[in-house]
PDB file of N, CA and C in Angstrom:
ATOM      1  N   MET A   1       0.782  -1.058  -0.077  1.00  0.00           N
ATOM      2  CA  MET A   1      -0.239   0.036   0.265  1.00  0.00           C
ATOM      3  C   MET A   1       0.760   1.433  -0.040  1.00  0.00           C
ATOM      4  N   LYS A   2       0.664   1.978  -1.061  1.00  0.00           N
ATOM      5  CA  LYS A   2       1.130   3.447  -0.871  1.00  0.00           C
ATOM      6  C   LYS A   2       0.886   4.700   0.410  1.00  0.00           C
ATOM      7  N   SER A   3       2.058   5.013   0.804  1.00  0.00           N
ATOM      8  CA  SER A   3       1.949   5.962   1.870  1.00  0.00           C
ATOM      9  C   SER A   3       1.532   6.955   1.003  1.00  0.00           C
ATOM     10  N   SER A   4       1.069   8.310   1.438  1.00  0.00           N
ATOM     11  CA  SER A   4       0.595   9.826   1.170  1.00  0.00           C
ATOM     12  C   SER A   4       1.842  10.123   0.261  1.00  0.00           C
ATOM     13  N   ARG A   5       2.865   9.459   1.560  1.00  0.00           N
ATOM     14  CA  ARG A   5       4.019  10.578   0.983  1.00  0.00           C
ATOM     15  C   ARG A   5       4.235  10.360  -0.333  1.00  0.00           C
ATOM     16  N   ASP A   6       4.193   8.815  -0.871  1.00  0.00           N
ATOM     17  CA  ASP A   6       4.413   8.199  -2.067  1.00  0.00           C
ATOM     18  C   ASP A   6       3.464   8.423  -3.187  1.00  0.00           C
ATOM     19  N   GLU A   7       2.204   9.252  -2.763  1.00  0.00           N
ATOM     20  CA  GLU A   7       1.057   9.141  -4.067  1.00  0.00           C
ATOM     21  C   GLU A   7       1.739  10.835  -4.789  1.00  0.00           C
ATOM     22  N   LYS A   8       1.055  10.518  -6.023  1.00  0.00           N
ATOM     23  CA  LYS A   8       0.956  11.674  -6.652  1.00  0.00           C
ATOM     24  C   LYS A   8       0.221  12.606  -6.472  1.00  0.00           C
ATOM     25  N   LEU A   9       0.005  13.912  -5.976  1.00  0.00           N
ATOM     26  CA  LEU A   9      -0.877  14.493  -5.802  1.00  0.00           C
ATOM     27  C   LEU A   9      -1.146  15.546  -7.581  1.00  0.00           C
ATOM     28  N   PRO A  10      -2.112  15.951  -7.685  1.00  0.00           N
ATOM     29  CA  PRO A  10      -2.689  16.314  -9.213  1.00  0.00           C
ATOM     30  C   PRO A  10      -1.971  17.984  -9.479  1.00  0.00           C
ATOM     31  N   SER A  11      -1.453  18.130 -10.076  1.00  0.00           N
ATOM     32  CA  SER A  11      -0.992  19.335 -10.488  1.00  0.00           C
ATOM     33  C   SER A  11      -1.644  20.134 -11.012  1.00  0.00           C
ATOM     34  N   PRO A  12      -1.663  21.789 -10.382  1.00  0.00           N
ATOM     35  CA  PRO A  12      -2.737  22.478 -10.981  1.00  0.00           C
ATOM     36  C   PRO A  12      -2.468  22.735 -12.222  1.00  0.00           C
ATOM     37  N   PRO A  13      -3.613  23.571 -12.718  1.00  0.00           N
ATOM     38  CA  PRO A  13      -3.330  24.014 -14.278  1.00  0.00           C
ATOM     39  C   PRO A  13      -2.101  25.121 -14.035  1.00  0.00           C
ATOM     40  N   ALA A  14      -1.278  25.033 -15.133  1.00  0.00           N
ATOM     41  CA  ALA A  14      -0.113  25.986 -15.642  1.00  0.00           C
ATOM     42  C   ALA A  14      -0.598  27.547 -15.535  1.00  0.00           C
ATOM     43  N   HIS A  15      -1.767  27.761 -15.552  1.00  0.00           N
ATOM     44  CA  HIS A  15      -2.292  29.453 -15.706  1.00  0.00           C
ATOM     45  C   HIS A  15      -2.625  29.835 -14.090  1.00  0.00           C
ATOM     46  N   PHE A  16      -2.444  28.804 -12.918  1.00  0.00           N
ATOM     47  CA  PHE A  16      -3.088  29.454 -11.891  1.00  0.00           C
ATOM     48  C   PHE A  16      -1.460  30.216 -11.185  1.00  0.00           C
ATOM     49  N   VAL A  17      -1.947  31.181 -10.210  1.00  0.00           N
ATOM     50  CA  VAL A  17      -0.976  31.794  -9.722  1.00  0.00           C
ATOM     51  C   VAL A  17      -1.542  32.730  -8.922  1.00  0.00           C
ATOM     52  N   GLY A  18      -0.944  33.020  -7.723  1.00  0.00           N
ATOM     53  CA  GLY A  18      -1.283  34.223  -6.595  1.00  0.00           C
ATOM     54  C   GLY A  18      -2.526  32.919  -5.678  1.00  0.00           C
ATOM     55  N   ARG A  19      -3.248  33.454  -5.370  1.00  0.00           N
ATOM     56  CA  ARG A  19      -4.291  32.926  -4.118  1.00  0.00           C
ATOM     57  C   ARG A  19      -4.860  31.628  -4.720  1.00  0.00           C
ATOM     58  N   ALA A  20      -5.072  31.870  -6.197  1.00  0.00           N
ATOM     59  CA  ALA A  20      -5.491  30.468  -6.771  1.00  0.00           C
ATOM     60  C   ALA A  20      -4.640  29.268  -6.348  1.00  0.00           C
ATOM     61  N   LEU A  21      -3.478  29.419  -7.499  1.00  0.00           N
ATOM     62  CA  LEU A  21      -2.781  28.469  -6.665  1.00  0.00           C
ATOM     63  C   LEU A  21      -2.540  27.937  -5.710  1.00  0.00           C
ATOM     64  N   ARG A  22      -2.125  28.947  -4.621  1.00  0.00           N
ATOM     65  CA  ARG A  22      -2.364  28.771  -3.137  1.00  0.00           C
ATOM     66  C   ARG A  22      -3.304  27.801  -3.033  1.00  0.00           C
ATOM     67  N   PHE A  23      -4.555  28.221  -3.163  1.00  0.00           N
ATOM     68  CA  PHE A  23      -6.053  27.601  -2.723  1.00  0.00           C
ATOM     69  C   PHE A  23      -6.019  25.823  -3.075  1.00  0.00           C
ATOM     70  N   TRP A  24      -5.489  25.844  -4.648  1.00  0.00           N
ATOM     71  CA  TRP A  24      -5.489  24.655  -5.629  1.00  0.00           C
ATOM     72  C   TRP A  24      -4.350  23.611  -4.664  1.00  0.00           C
ATOM     73  N   THR A  25      -3.138  24.569  -4.254  1.00  0.00           N
ATOM     74  CA  THR A  25      -2.053  23.270  -3.225  1.00  0.00           C
ATOM     75  C   THR A  25      -2.641  22.991  -1.859  1.00  0.00           C
ATOM     76  N   ASP A  26      -3.389  24.117  -1.173  1.00  0.00           N
ATOM     77  CA  ASP A  26      -4.184  23.664   0.348  1.00  0.00           C
ATOM     78  C   ASP A  26      -4.536  22.724  -0.038  1.00  0.00           C
ATOM     79  N   VAL A  27      -5.722  23.048  -1.024  1.00  0.00           N
ATOM     80  CA  VAL A  27      -6.760  21.583  -0.790  1.00  0.00           C
ATOM     81  C   VAL A  27      -6.552  20.206  -1.377  1.00  0.00           C
ATOM     82  N   ILE A  28      -5.380  20.549  -2.517  1.00  0.00           N
ATOM     83  CA  ILE A  28      -5.060  19.215  -3.008  1.00  0.00           C
ATOM     84  C   ILE A  28      -4.321  18.505  -1.739  1.00  0.00           C
ATOM     85  N   LYS A  29      -3.864  18.899  -0.995  1.00  0.00           N
ATOM     86  CA  LYS A  29      -2.969  18.627  -0.194  1.00  0.00           C
ATOM     87  C   LYS A  29      -3.204  17.919   1.041  1.00  0.00           C
ATOM     88  N   GLU A  30      -4.762  18.448   1.518  1.00  0.00           N
ATOM     89  CA  GLU A  30      -5.525  18.420   3.126  1.00  0.00           C
ATOM     90  C   GLU A  30      -6.476  17.385   2.535  1.00  0.00           C
ATOM     91  N   TYR A  31      -6.805  16.959   0.935  1.00  0.00           N
ATOM     92  CA  TYR A  31      -8.033  16.377   0.663  1.00  0.00           C
ATOM     93  C   TYR A  31      -8.024  15.142  -0.450  1.00  0.00           C
ATOM     94  N   GLU A  32      -8.410  14.614  -0.612  1.00  0.00           N
ATOM     95  CA  GLU A  32      -8.490  13.478  -1.431  1.00  0.00           C
ATOM     96  C   GLU A  32      -9.661  13.518  -2.166  1.00  0.00           C
ATOM     97  N   LEU A  33      -9.804  13.955  -3.725  1.00  0.00           N
ATOM     98  CA  LEU A  33     -10.788  14.194  -4.446  1.00  0.00           C
ATOM     99  C   LEU A  33     -10.831  13.385  -5.815  1.00  0.00           C
ATOM    100  N   ASP A  34     -12.226  13.043  -6.178  1.00  0.00           N
ATOM    101  CA  ASP A  34     -12.505  12.579  -7.059  1.00  0.00           C
ATOM    102  C   ASP A  34     -12.037  13.178  -8.524  1.00  0.00           C
ATOM    103  N   ILE A  35     -12.703  13.098  -9.658  1.00  0.00           N
ATOM    104  CA  ILE A  35     -12.629  13.512 -10.848  1.00  0.00           C
ATOM    105  C   ILE A  35     -14.046  14.605 -10.824  1.00  0.00           C
ATOM    106  N   GLY A  36     -14.527  14.629 -10.224  1.00  0.00           N
ATOM    107  CA  GLY A  36     -15.744  15.721 -10.503  1.00  0.00           C
ATOM    108  C   GLY A  36     -15.480  16.832  -9.105  1.00  0.00           C
ATOM    109  N   ASP A  37     -14.500  16.191  -8.368  1.00  0.00           N
ATOM    110  CA  ASP A  37     -14.261  17.115  -7.115  1.00  0.00           C
ATOM    111  C   ASP A  37     -13.281  17.835  -7.860  1.00  0.00           C
ATOM    112  N   LEU A  38     -12.397  17.774  -8.484  1.00  0.00           N
ATOM    113  CA  LEU A  38     -11.173  18.394  -9.313  1.00  0.00           C
ATOM    114  C   LEU A  38     -11.727  18.770 -10.216  1.00  0.00           C
ATOM    115  N   GLU A  39     -12.699  19.307 -11.083  1.00  0.00           N
ATOM    116  CA  GLU A  39     -13.178  20.177 -11.651  1.00  0.00           C
ATOM    117  C   GLU A  39     -13.803  20.939 -10.854  1.00  0.00           C
ATOM    118  N   ARG A  40     -14.682  20.742  -9.636  1.00  0.00           N
ATOM    119  CA  ARG A  40     -15.220  22.058  -9.271  1.00  0.00           C
ATOM    120  C   ARG A  40     -13.911  22.482  -8.131  1.00  0.00           C
ATOM    121  N   LEU A  41     -12.759  21.892  -7.892  1.00  0.00           N
ATOM    122  CA  LEU A  41     -11.636  22.628  -7.464  1.00  0.00           C
ATOM    123  C   LEU A  41     -10.923  23.760  -8.212  1.00  0.00           C
ATOM    124  N   ARG A  42     -10.677  23.123  -9.554  1.00  0.00           N
ATOM    125  CA  ARG A  42     -10.512  24.644 -10.614  1.00  0.00           C
ATOM    126  C   ARG A  42     -11.554  25.205 -11.185  1.00  0.00           C
ATOM    127  N   VAL A  43     -12.898  25.099 -10.929  1.00  0.00           N
ATOM    128  CA  VAL A  43     -14.150  26.132 -10.630  1.00  0.00           C
ATOM    129  C   VAL A  43     -13.840  27.178 -10.185  1.00  0.00           C
ATOM    130  N   ALA A  44     -13.294  26.532  -8.796  1.00  0.00           N
ATOM    131  CA  ALA A  44     -13.280  27.534  -8.063  1.00  0.00           C
ATOM    132  C   ALA A  44     -12.323  28.565  -7.883  1.00  0.00           C
ATOM    133  N   CYS A  45     -11.202  27.748  -8.192  1.00  0.00           N
ATOM    134  CA  CYS A  45      -9.688  28.369  -8.702  1.00  0.00           C
ATOM    135  C   CYS A  45      -9.545  29.138  -9.432  1.00  0.00           C
ATOM    136  N   GLU A  46     -10.887  29.398 -10.992  1.00  0.00           N
ATOM    137  CA  GLU A  46     -10.684  29.915 -11.524  1.00  0.00           C
ATOM    138  C   GLU A  46     -11.456  31.099 -11.690  1.00  0.00           C
ATOM    139  N   ASN A  47     -12.407  31.112 -10.359  1.00  0.00           N
ATOM    140  CA  ASN A  47     -13.022  32.395 -10.127  1.00  0.00           C
ATOM    141  C   ASN A  47     -12.477  33.014  -8.981  1.00  0.00           C
ATOM    142  N   LEU A  48     -11.431  32.473  -8.463  1.00  0.00           N
ATOM    143  CA  LEU A  48     -10.895  32.972  -7.690  1.00  0.00           C
ATOM    144  C   LEU A  48      -9.542  34.336  -8.336  1.00  0.00           C
ATOM    145  N   ALA A  49      -9.245  33.391  -9.002  1.00  0.00           N
ATOM    146  CA  ALA A  49      -8.017  34.199  -9.947  1.00  0.00           C
ATOM    147  C   ALA A  49      -9.033  35.710 -10.861  1.00  0.00           C
ATOM    148  N   VAL A  50      -9.943  35.118 -11.468  1.00  0.00           N
ATOM    149  CA  VAL A  50     -10.916  36.145 -12.187  1.00  0.00           C
ATOM    150  C   VAL A  50     -10.782  37.370 -11.022  1.00  0.00           C
ATOM    151  N   GLU A  51     -11.293  37.065 -10.014  1.00  0.00           N
ATOM    152  CA  GLU A  51     -11.913  38.262  -8.867  1.00  0.00           C
ATOM    153  C   GLU A  51     -10.130  38.861  -7.970  1.00  0.00           C
ATOM    154  N   GLU A  52      -9.303  38.203  -8.284  1.00  0.00           N
ATOM    155  CA  GLU A  52      -8.317  39.035  -7.888  1.00  0.00           C
ATOM    156  C   GLU A  52      -7.947  39.655  -8.951  1.00  0.00           C
ATOM    157  N   LYS A  53      -7.961  39.525 -10.221  1.00  0.00           N
ATOM    158  CA  LYS A  53      -7.978  40.403 -11.491  1.00  0.00           C
ATOM    159  C   LYS A  53      -8.025  41.394 -10.966  1.00  0.00           C
ATOM    160  N   ALA A  54     -10.124  41.030 -11.168  1.00  0.00           N
ATOM    161  CA  ALA A  54     -10.934  42.369 -10.904  1.00  0.00           C
ATOM    162  C   ALA A  54     -10.078  43.345  -9.941  1.00  0.00           C
ATOM    163  N   ASN A  55     -10.056  42.573  -8.583  1.00  0.00           N
ATOM    164  CA  ASN A  55      -9.738  43.421  -7.486  1.00  0.00           C
ATOM    165  C   ASN A  55      -8.283  44.047  -8.042  1.00  0.00           C
ATOM    166  N   SER A  56      -8.000  43.712  -8.327  1.00  0.00           N
ATOM    167  CA  SER A  56      -6.588  44.430  -8.713  1.00  0.00           C
ATOM    168  C   SER A  56      -6.240  45.533  -9.637  1.00  0.00           C
ATOM    169  N   ILE A  57      -7.394  45.705 -10.609  1.00  0.00           N
ATOM    170  CA  ILE A  57      -7.781  46.503 -11.498  1.00  0.00           C
ATOM    171  C   ILE A  57      -8.459  47.807 -10.709  1.00  0.00           C
ATOM    172  N   LEU A  58      -9.322  47.494  -9.764  1.00  0.00           N
ATOM    173  CA  LEU A  58      -9.721  48.170  -9.140  1.00  0.00           C
ATOM    174  C   LEU A  58      -9.140  48.876  -7.704  1.00  0.00           C
ATOM    175  N   SER A  59      -8.252  48.339  -7.189  1.00  0.00           N
ATOM    176  CA  SER A  59      -7.278  48.995  -6.612  1.00  0.00           C
ATOM    177  C   SER A  59      -6.563  50.437  -7.077  1.00  0.00           C
ATOM    178  N   LYS A  60      -6.131  49.596  -8.247  1.00  0.00           N
ATOM    179  CA  LYS A  60      -5.659  50.932  -9.599  1.00  0.00           C
ATOM    180  C   LYS A  60      -6.718  52.537  -9.758  1.00  0.00           C
ATOM    181  N   LYS A  61      -7.879  51.792 -10.229  1.00  0.00           N
ATOM    182  CA  LYS A  61      -8.687  52.679 -11.189  1.00  0.00           C
ATOM    183  C   LYS A  61      -9.723  52.981 -10.387  1.00  0.00           C
ATOM    184  N   GLY A  62      -9.807  52.516  -8.921  1.00  0.00           N
ATOM    185  CA  GLY A  62     -11.148  52.986  -8.330  1.00  0.00           C
ATOM    186  C   GLY A  62     -12.530  52.098  -8.527  1.00  0.00           C
ATOM    187  N   LEU A  63     -13.128  52.443  -7.569  1.00  0.00           N
ATOM    188  CA  LEU A  63     -14.370  51.692  -8.073  1.00  0.00           C
ATOM    189  C   LEU A  63     -15.272  52.489  -8.760  1.00  0.00           C
ATOM    190  N   THR A  64     -15.296  53.435  -9.364  1.00  0.00           N
ATOM    191  CA  THR A  64     -16.134  54.360 -10.140  1.00  0.00           C
ATOM    192  C   THR A  64     -15.462  55.151 -11.253  1.00  0.00           C
ATOM    193  N   VAL A  65     -16.358  54.950 -12.295  1.00  0.00           N
ATOM    194  CA  VAL A  65     -15.507  55.733 -13.378  1.00  0.00           C
ATOM    195  C   VAL A  65     -16.576  57.041 -13.906  1.00  0.00           C
ATOM    196  N   ASN A  66     -15.716  58.377 -14.622  1.00  0.00           N
ATOM    197  CA  ASN A  66     -17.045  59.302 -15.050  1.00  0.00           C
ATOM    198  C   ASN A  66     -17.375  59.117 -16.432  1.00  0.00           C
ATOM    199  N   GLY A  67     -18.591  58.856 -16.619  1.00  0.00           N
ATOM    200  CA  GLY A  67     -19.427  58.462 -17.842  1.00  0.00           C
ATOM    201  C   GLY A  67     -20.105  59.380 -18.738  1.00  0.00           C
ATOM    202  N   THR A  68     -20.551  59.353 -19.714  1.00  0.00           N
ATOM    203  CA  THR A  68     -21.452  60.648 -20.621  1.00  0.00           C
ATOM    204  C   THR A  68     -22.410  61.184 -19.324  1.00  0.00           C
ATOM    205  N   LYS A  69     -23.170  60.210 -18.640  1.00  0.00           N
ATOM    206  CA  LYS A  69     -24.099  60.132 -17.857  1.00  0.00           C
ATOM    207  C   LYS A  69     -23.841  60.586 -16.156  1.00  0.00           C
ATOM    208  N   GLY A  70     -22.731  60.929 -16.319  1.00  0.00           N
ATOM    209  CA  GLY A  70     -22.227  60.771 -15.025  1.00  0.00           C
ATOM    210  C   GLY A  70     -21.525  59.733 -14.303  1.00  0.00           C
ATOM    211  N   ILE A  71     -21.427  59.623 -12.739  1.00  0.00           N
ATOM    212  CA  ILE A  71     -20.570  58.633 -12.097  1.00  0.00           C
ATOM    213  C   ILE A  71     -20.934  57.114 -12.671  1.00  0.00           C
ATOM    214  N   LYS A  72     -20.494  56.646 -12.620  1.00  0.00           N
ATOM    215  CA  LYS A  72     -21.067  54.700 -12.939  1.00  0.00           C
ATOM    216  C   LYS A  72     -19.827  54.179 -12.049  1.00  0.00           C
ATOM    217  N   THR A  73     -20.482  53.362 -12.018  1.00  0.00           N
ATOM    218  CA  THR A  73     -19.472  51.705 -11.349  1.00  0.00           C
ATOM    219  C   THR A  73     -18.939  51.236 -12.089  1.00  0.00           C
ATOM    220  N   ARG A  74     -17.482  51.039 -11.744  1.00  0.00           N
ATOM    221  CA  ARG A  74     -16.639  50.475 -12.738  1.00  0.00           C
ATOM    222  C   ARG A  74     -17.446  49.078 -12.530  1.00  0.00           C
ATOM    223  N   PRO A  75     -17.260  47.886 -14.390  1.00  0.00           N
ATOM    224  CA  PRO A  75     -17.690  46.792 -14.246  1.00  0.00           C
ATOM    225  C   PRO A  75     -16.815  46.072 -13.659  1.00  0.00           C
ATOM    226  N   GLU A  76     -15.499  46.398 -13.336  1.00  0.00           N
ATOM    227  CA  GLU A  76     -14.597  44.982 -12.459  1.00  0.00           C
ATOM    228  C   GLU A  76     -15.671  44.814 -10.974  1.00  0.00           C
ATOM    229  N   VAL A  77     -16.155  46.074 -10.526  1.00  0.00           N
ATOM    230  CA  VAL A  77     -17.081  45.752  -9.365  1.00  0.00           C
ATOM    231  C   VAL A  77     -17.740  44.583  -9.626  1.00  0.00           C
ATOM    232  N   GLY A  78     -18.667  44.407 -10.538  1.00  0.00           N
ATOM    233  CA  GLY A  78     -19.693  43.576 -10.891  1.00  0.00           C
ATOM    234  C   GLY A  78     -18.979  41.750 -11.065  1.00  0.00           C
ATOM    235  N   ILE A  79     -17.482  42.121 -11.895  1.00  0.00           N
ATOM    236  CA  ILE A  79     -16.703  41.195 -11.887  1.00  0.00           C
ATOM    237  C   ILE A  79     -16.139  40.638 -11.075  1.00  0.00           C
ATOM    238  N   ALA A  80     -15.711  41.383 -10.046  1.00  0.00           N
ATOM    239  CA  ALA A  80     -15.476  40.774  -8.857  1.00  0.00           C
ATOM    240  C   ALA A  80     -16.362  39.815  -7.980  1.00  0.00           C
ATOM    241  N   ARG A  81     -17.352  40.908  -8.080  1.00  0.00           N
ATOM    242  CA  ARG A  81     -18.557  40.268  -6.826  1.00  0.00           C
ATOM    243  C   ARG A  81     -18.579  38.742  -7.595  1.00  0.00           C
ATOM    244  N   ASP A  82     -19.391  38.970  -9.310  1.00  0.00           N
ATOM    245  CA  ASP A  82     -19.845  37.368  -9.283  1.00  0.00           C
ATOM    246  C   ASP A  82     -18.976  36.533  -9.043  1.00  0.00           C
ATOM    247  N   SER A  83     -17.387  36.533  -9.030  1.00  0.00           N
ATOM    248  CA  SER A  83     -15.909  35.506  -9.647  1.00  0.00           C
ATOM    249  C   SER A  83     -16.361  34.653  -7.862  1.00  0.00           C
ATOM    250  N   ARG A  84     -16.536  36.039  -7.008  1.00  0.00           N
ATOM    251  CA  ARG A  84     -16.332  35.577  -5.355  1.00  0.00           C
ATOM    252  C   ARG A  84     -17.815  35.062  -5.152  1.00  0.00           C
ATOM    253  N   ILE A  85     -18.918  34.958  -5.810  1.00  0.00           N
ATOM    254  CA  ILE A  85     -19.613  34.117  -5.331  1.00  0.00           C
ATOM    255  C   ILE A  85     -19.369  32.729  -5.900  1.00  0.00           C
ATOM    256  N   GLY A  86     -19.091  33.088  -7.264  1.00  0.00           N
ATOM    257  CA  GLY A  86     -19.093  31.260  -8.337  1.00  0.00           C
ATOM    258  C   GLY A  86     -17.477  30.442  -7.237  1.00  0.00           C
ATOM    259  N   PHE A  87     -16.725  31.388  -6.646  1.00  0.00           N
ATOM    260  CA  PHE A  87     -15.531  30.278  -5.648  1.00  0.00           C
ATOM    261  C   PHE A  87     -16.532  30.422  -4.818  1.00  0.00           C
ATOM    262  N   LEU A  88     -17.433  30.512  -3.904  1.00  0.00           N
ATOM    263  CA  LEU A  88     -17.854  30.435  -2.493  1.00  0.00           C
ATOM    264  C   LEU A  88     -18.913  29.430  -2.883  1.00  0.00           C
ATOM    265  N   ARG A  89     -19.712  29.232  -3.958  1.00  0.00           N
ATOM    266  CA  ARG A  89     -20.796  28.547  -4.546  1.00  0.00           C
ATOM    267  C   ARG A  89     -20.063  27.036  -4.900  1.00  0.00           C
ATOM    268  N   ALA A  90     -18.538  27.127  -5.250  1.00  0.00           N
ATOM    269  CA  ALA A  90     -17.833  26.064  -6.017  1.00  0.00           C
ATOM    270  C   ALA A  90     -17.471  25.387  -4.336  1.00  0.00           C
ATOM    271  N   CYS A  91     -16.831  26.066  -3.823  1.00  0.00           N
ATOM    272  CA  CYS A  91     -16.219  25.639  -2.188  1.00  0.00           C
ATOM    273  C   CYS A  91     -17.382  24.835  -1.742  1.00  0.00           C
ATOM    274  N   ARG A  92     -18.469  25.419  -1.366  1.00  0.00           N
ATOM    275  CA  ARG A  92     -19.989  24.860  -1.145  1.00  0.00           C
ATOM    276  C   ARG A  92     -20.052  23.363  -1.494  1.00  0.00           C
ATOM    277  N   GLU A  93     -19.860  23.312  -3.125  1.00  0.00           N
ATOM    278  CA  GLU A  93     -20.115  22.142  -3.468  1.00  0.00           C
ATOM    279  C   GLU A  93     -19.001  20.914  -3.075  1.00  0.00           C
ATOM    280  N   LEU A  94     -17.990  22.043  -3.135  1.00  0.00           N
ATOM    281  CA  LEU A  94     -16.524  20.824  -2.260  1.00  0.00           C
ATOM    282  C   LEU A  94     -16.727  20.270  -1.627  1.00  0.00           C
ATOM    283  N   GLY A  95     -17.592  21.122  -0.366  1.00  0.00           N
ATOM    284  CA  GLY A  95     -17.909  20.603   0.985  1.00  0.00           C
ATOM    285  C   GLY A  95     -16.808  21.631   2.040  1.00  0.00           C
ATOM    286  N   LEU A  96     -16.293  22.538   1.561  1.00  0.00           N
ATOM    287  CA  LEU A  96     -15.360  23.464   1.920  1.00  0.00           C
ATOM    288  C   LEU A  96     -15.927  24.858   2.585  1.00  0.00           C
ATOM    289  N   GLY A  97     -15.200  25.721   3.828  1.00  0.00           N
ATOM    290  CA  GLY A  97     -15.843  26.627   4.024  1.00  0.00           C
ATOM    291  C   GLY A  97     -14.441  27.318   3.932  1.00  0.00           C
ATOM    292  N   LEU A  98     -13.965  28.853   4.762  1.00  0.00           N
ATOM    293  CA  LEU A  98     -12.835  29.246   4.771  1.00  0.00           C
ATOM    294  C   LEU A  98     -12.814  29.578   5.994  1.00  0.00           C
ATOM    295  N   ASP A  99     -11.276  29.112   6.658  1.00  0.00           N
ATOM    296  CA  ASP A  99     -10.862  29.221   7.881  1.00  0.00           C
ATOM    297  C   ASP A  99     -10.599  30.591   8.214  1.00  0.00           C
ATOM    298  N   ALA A 100     -11.806  31.590   9.067  1.00  0.00           N
ATOM    299  CA  ALA A 100     -11.826  33.064   9.531  1.00  0.00           C
ATOM    300  C   ALA A 100     -10.469  33.694   9.338  1.00  0.00           C
ATOM    301  N   GLY A 101      -9.247  32.932   9.877  1.00  0.00           N
ATOM    302  CA  GLY A 101      -8.785  33.265  10.388  1.00  0.00           C
ATOM    303  C   GLY A 101      -7.851  33.790   8.845  1.00  0.00           C
ATOM    304  N   ASP A 102      -7.008  32.717   8.320  1.00  0.00           N
ATOM    305  CA  ASP A 102      -6.150  33.146   6.967  1.00  0.00           C
ATOM    306  C   ASP A 102      -6.459  32.606   5.694  1.00  0.00           C
ATOM    307  N   GLY A 103      -7.839  32.192   5.790  1.00  0.00           N
ATOM    308  CA  GLY A 103      -8.599  32.001   3.850  1.00  0.00           C
ATOM    309  C   GLY A 103      -8.156  30.824   3.675  1.00  0.00           C
ATOM    310  N   ARG A 104      -7.516  29.836   4.395  1.00  0.00           N
ATOM    311  CA  ARG A 104      -7.150  28.871   3.702  1.00  0.00           C
ATOM    312  C   ARG A 104      -8.599  27.545   4.250  1.00  0.00           C
ATOM    313  N   PRO A 105      -8.781  26.687   3.387  1.00  0.00           N
ATOM    314  CA  PRO A 105      -9.702  25.860   3.338  1.00  0.00           C
ATOM    315  C   PRO A 105     -10.142  24.911   4.653  1.00  0.00           C
ATOM    316  N   ALA A 106     -11.549  24.671   5.047  1.00  0.00           N
ATOM    317  CA  ALA A 106     -11.346  24.378   6.575  1.00  0.00           C
ATOM    318  C   ALA A 106     -13.132  23.487   5.736  1.00  0.00           C
ATOM    319  N   GLN A 107     -12.778  22.430   6.515  1.00  0.00           N
ATOM    320  CA  GLN A 107     -13.950  21.511   6.443  1.00  0.00           C
ATOM    321  C   GLN A 107     -15.243  22.178   7.249  1.00  0.00           C
ATOM    322  N   LEU A 108     -16.317  22.143   6.155  1.00  0.00           N
ATOM    323  CA  LEU A 108     -18.064  22.660   6.811  1.00  0.00           C
ATOM    324  C   LEU A 108     -18.085  21.296   8.074  1.00  0.00           C
ATOM    325  N   ARG A 109     -19.322  21.958   8.446  1.00  0.00           N
ATOM    326  CA  ARG A 109     -19.491  20.771   9.755  1.00  0.00           C
ATOM    327  C   ARG A 109     -19.926  20.060   9.053  1.00  0.00           C
ATOM    328  N   GLY A 110     -20.203  18.648   9.508  1.00  0.00           N
ATOM    329  CA  GLY A 110     -20.980  17.445   9.077  1.00  0.00           C
ATOM    330  C   GLY A 110     -20.035  16.758   7.776  1.00  0.00           C
ATOM    331  N   TRP A 111     -19.118  17.701   6.761  1.00  0.00           N
ATOM    332  CA  TRP A 111     -18.486  17.220   6.221  1.00  0.00           C
ATOM    333  C   TRP A 111     -17.605  15.372   6.252  1.00  0.00           C
ATOM    334  N   ASP A 112     -17.482  14.622   5.261  1.00  0.00           N
ATOM    335  CA  ASP A 112     -16.837  13.447   5.606  1.00  0.00           C
ATOM    336  C   ASP A 112     -15.657  13.417   5.612  1.00  0.00           C
ATOM    337  N   THR A 113     -15.037  13.407   7.196  1.00  0.00           N
ATOM    338  CA  THR A 113     -14.151  13.272   7.523  1.00  0.00           C
ATOM    339  C   THR A 113     -12.923  12.452   6.650  1.00  0.00           C
ATOM    340  N   ARG A 114     -13.086  11.488   6.425  1.00  0.00           N
ATOM    341  CA  ARG A 114     -12.598  10.164   5.610  1.00  0.00           C
ATOM    342  C   ARG A 114     -12.239  10.628   4.460  1.00  0.00           C
ATOM    343  N   ARG A 115     -12.451  12.029   4.216  1.00  0.00           N
ATOM    344  CA  ARG A 115     -11.452  12.298   2.891  1.00  0.00           C
ATOM    345  C   ARG A 115     -10.922  13.348   2.790  1.00  0.00           C
ATOM    346  N   ARG A 116      -9.933  13.308   4.111  1.00  0.00           N
ATOM    347  CA  ARG A 116      -9.421  14.143   4.754  1.00  0.00           C
ATOM    348  C   ARG A 116      -7.899  13.167   4.444  1.00  0.00           C
ATOM    349  N   ARG A 117      -6.663  13.812   3.809  1.00  0.00           N
ATOM    350  CA  ARG A 117      -5.691  12.936   3.990  1.00  0.00           C
ATOM    351  C   ARG A 117      -5.119  12.654   5.206  1.00  0.00           C
ATOM    352  N   GLN A 118      -4.343  11.353   5.117  1.00  0.00           N
ATOM    353  CA  GLN A 118      -3.590  11.204   6.099  1.00  0.00           C
ATOM    354  C   GLN A 118      -2.092  11.637   6.320  1.00  0.00           C
ATOM    355  N   HIS A 119      -1.647  12.353   7.173  1.00  0.00           N
ATOM    356  CA  HIS A 119      -0.560  12.740   7.132  1.00  0.00           C
ATOM    357  C   HIS A 119       0.021  12.450   7.902  1.00  0.00           C
ATOM    358  N   GLY A 120       1.542  12.173   7.646  1.00  0.00           N
ATOM    359  CA  GLY A 120       2.989  11.134   8.550  1.00  0.00           C
ATOM    360  C   GLY A 120       1.908   9.860   8.602  1.00  0.00           C
ATOM    361  N   ALA A 121       1.316   9.420   8.137  1.00  0.00           N
ATOM    362  CA  ALA A 121       0.836   7.855   8.303  1.00  0.00           C
ATOM    363  C   ALA A 121       1.438   6.810   7.535  1.00  0.00           C
TER     364      ALA A 121
END
């Protein structure tokens, strides 16, 4: 029987960076995921990456823009919001919550604890 140290963990998509890459890595190291769960994790990380990009633009350009009919909310505000919702929905479908302290994945109450990887065993 292979130990958890010998097991090859799924690699993240090559374009994941920053928070998306960290989240992927944290989840993959902590939980055993089937093919459907890996797709849900990919969707969660894609949404996280889009949110991070939108927030980066907002931090440089602000929340509003002057339009022909006055001040308008920048489109990136909606993109960031929608991406965050998508991320949280994908996490919920995976049975993951976020640890309030550091933003790392945490099991939701009632989630099957047998899916956690055995570390050091």
